[in-house]
Amino acid sequence: QVQLVESGGGSVQAGESLRLSCVASGSYYSDNVMGWYRRGPGIERELVANMSTDGKTTYDNDVKGRFTISRDNAKDTVYLQMNSLKPEDTAVYFCNWYYDGGFFEYDFWGQGTQVTVFS
């Protein structure tokens, strides 16, 4: 069982920045993927960005150039630096930890942290 604790959400004005953090504990597999998803008003949960332990990243097109994902493998922590925030970025952001073992997979989620962007 992997526990994920998120922090860094809040309310900001459009154009401002926030940084989300997520610490994983109980992580047994080192070659995992950690990332962020979000669920906004009327929107299903969608991938924002993720990053593997070897540095491969994936970004949603809407956040490319504004958001940057990074991780500290020694601390089992993933970060999401969000710049130039827009009202449409308003959502609950969820940290995700994923491991694909071929014949099995593990998929864990944090509780979510609210990000609100005012115009």
Protein backbone atom coordinates (compact mmCIF):
# COMPACT_ATOMS: atom_id res chain seq x y z
CA GLN A 1 0.00 0.00 0.00
CA VAL A 2 1.34 3.42 -1.00
CA GLN A 3 0.16 6.50 0.85
CA LEU A 4 0.23 9.85 -0.92
CA VAL A 5 0.07 13.17 0.91
CA GLU A 6 -0.48 16.28 -1.17
CA SER A 7 0.10 19.90 -0.24
CA GLY A 8 0.30 23.30 -1.86
CA GLY A 9 -3.20 23.94 -3.16
CA GLY A 10 -4.96 27.23 -2.62
CA SER A 11 -6.69 30.20 -4.19
CA VAL A 12 -4.89 32.64 -6.45
CA GLN A 13 -5.58 35.28 -9.06
CA ALA A 14 -5.18 34.52 -12.74
CA GLY A 15 -1.56 34.82 -13.80
CA GLU A 16 -0.18 33.80 -10.43
CA SER A 17 1.64 30.62 -9.50
CA LEU A 18 1.27 27.67 -7.16
CA ARG A 19 3.46 24.69 -6.41
CA LEU A 20 1.98 21.34 -5.48
CA SER A 21 3.91 18.66 -3.63
CA CYS A 22 3.14 15.00 -3.08
CA VAL A 23 5.07 12.68 -0.81
CA ALA A 24 4.76 8.93 -1.23
CA SER A 25 5.34 6.49 1.60
CA GLY A 26 5.32 2.72 1.49
CA SER A 27 6.60 2.74 -2.07
CA TYR A 28 8.32 -0.60 -2.74
CA TYR A 29 8.95 -0.38 -6.49
CA SER A 30 11.49 2.25 -7.46
CA ASP A 31 10.69 2.32 -11.20
CA ASN A 32 7.28 3.90 -10.88
CA VAL A 33 5.44 6.82 -12.43
CA MET A 34 4.20 9.67 -10.29
CA GLY A 35 2.02 12.43 -11.52
CA TRP A 36 -0.93 14.73 -11.19
CA TYR A 37 -4.49 14.49 -12.41
CA ARG A 38 -7.28 16.99 -11.97
CA ARG A 39 -11.05 17.00 -11.86
CA GLY A 40 -12.72 20.29 -12.62
CA PRO A 41 -16.36 21.38 -12.75
CA GLY A 42 -18.14 19.11 -15.20
CA ILE A 43 -14.88 17.47 -16.24
CA GLU A 44 -13.83 13.90 -15.64
CA ARG A 45 -10.49 13.34 -14.01
CA GLU A 46 -7.76 14.07 -16.56
CA LEU A 47 -4.01 13.73 -16.65
CA VAL A 48 -2.12 16.97 -16.05
CA ALA A 49 1.43 15.66 -16.05
CA ASN A 50 3.42 12.66 -14.95
CA MET A 51 7.03 11.67 -14.65
CA SER A 52 8.81 8.34 -14.42
CA THR A 53 11.76 7.71 -12.14
CA ASP A 54 14.09 7.92 -15.15
CA GLY A 55 12.79 11.36 -16.05
CA LYS A 56 10.31 10.74 -18.85
CA THR A 57 7.48 13.27 -18.74
CA THR A 58 4.01 13.58 -20.20
CA TYR A 59 1.98 16.77 -20.18
CA ASP A 60 -1.56 17.65 -21.11
CA ASN A 61 -1.51 20.06 -24.05
CA ASP A 62 -3.41 22.69 -22.06
CA VAL A 63 -0.61 23.02 -19.50
CA LYS A 64 2.48 22.68 -21.68
CA GLY A 65 4.71 25.70 -21.25
CA ARG A 66 2.98 26.76 -18.03
CA PHE A 67 3.32 23.76 -15.71
CA THR A 68 6.49 21.86 -14.87
CA ILE A 69 6.62 18.50 -13.16
CA SER A 70 9.67 17.36 -11.27
CA ARG A 71 10.50 14.72 -8.72
CA ASP A 72 13.03 13.88 -6.06
CA ASN A 73 13.40 10.11 -6.16
CA ALA A 74 15.39 10.04 -2.93
CA LYS A 75 12.46 11.65 -1.15
CA ASP A 76 9.71 9.85 -3.12
CA THR A 77 8.27 13.28 -3.83
CA VAL A 78 6.76 14.77 -6.95
CA TYR A 79 6.18 18.46 -7.55
CA LEU A 80 4.02 20.44 -9.92
CA GLN A 81 5.03 24.03 -10.52
CA MET A 82 2.05 25.84 -11.99
CA ASN A 83 2.69 29.24 -13.55
CA SER A 84 0.43 31.62 -15.44
CA LEU A 85 -2.62 30.02 -13.88
CA LYS A 86 -5.96 30.46 -15.60
CA PRO A 87 -9.50 30.20 -14.22
CA GLU A 88 -9.96 27.03 -16.24
CA ASP A 89 -7.17 25.42 -14.18
CA THR A 90 -9.56 25.47 -11.23
CA ALA A 91 -9.93 21.87 -10.12
CA VAL A 92 -9.14 19.33 -7.46
CA TYR A 93 -5.66 18.04 -8.17
CA PHE A 94 -4.86 14.43 -7.32
CA CYS A 95 -1.46 12.87 -6.93
CA ASN A 96 -1.03 9.48 -8.51
CA TRP A 97 1.53 6.69 -8.08
CA TYR A 98 1.57 3.94 -10.66
CA TYR A 99 3.60 0.82 -11.22
CA ASP A 100 3.27 -1.57 -14.14
CA GLY A 101 4.64 -4.97 -13.27
CA GLY A 102 3.57 -6.61 -16.50
CA PHE A 103 1.24 -9.21 -15.04
CA PHE A 104 0.02 -6.84 -12.36
CA GLU A 105 -0.14 -3.15 -11.69
CA TYR A 106 -0.51 -0.86 -8.72
CA ASP A 107 -2.37 2.42 -8.87
CA PHE A 108 -2.69 4.68 -5.81
CA TRP A 109 -4.28 8.10 -5.35
CA GLY A 110 -3.99 10.96 -2.93
CA GLN A 111 -6.99 12.66 -1.34
CA GLY A 112 -6.77 15.66 -3.64
CA THR A 113 -5.98 19.32 -3.10
CA GLN A 114 -8.14 22.19 -4.31
CA VAL A 115 -6.75 24.79 -6.68
CA THR A 116 -8.96 27.81 -7.36
CA VAL A 117 -8.00 30.51 -9.84
CA PHE A 118 -9.98 33.74 -9.86
CA SER A 119 -10.22 35.93 -12.92
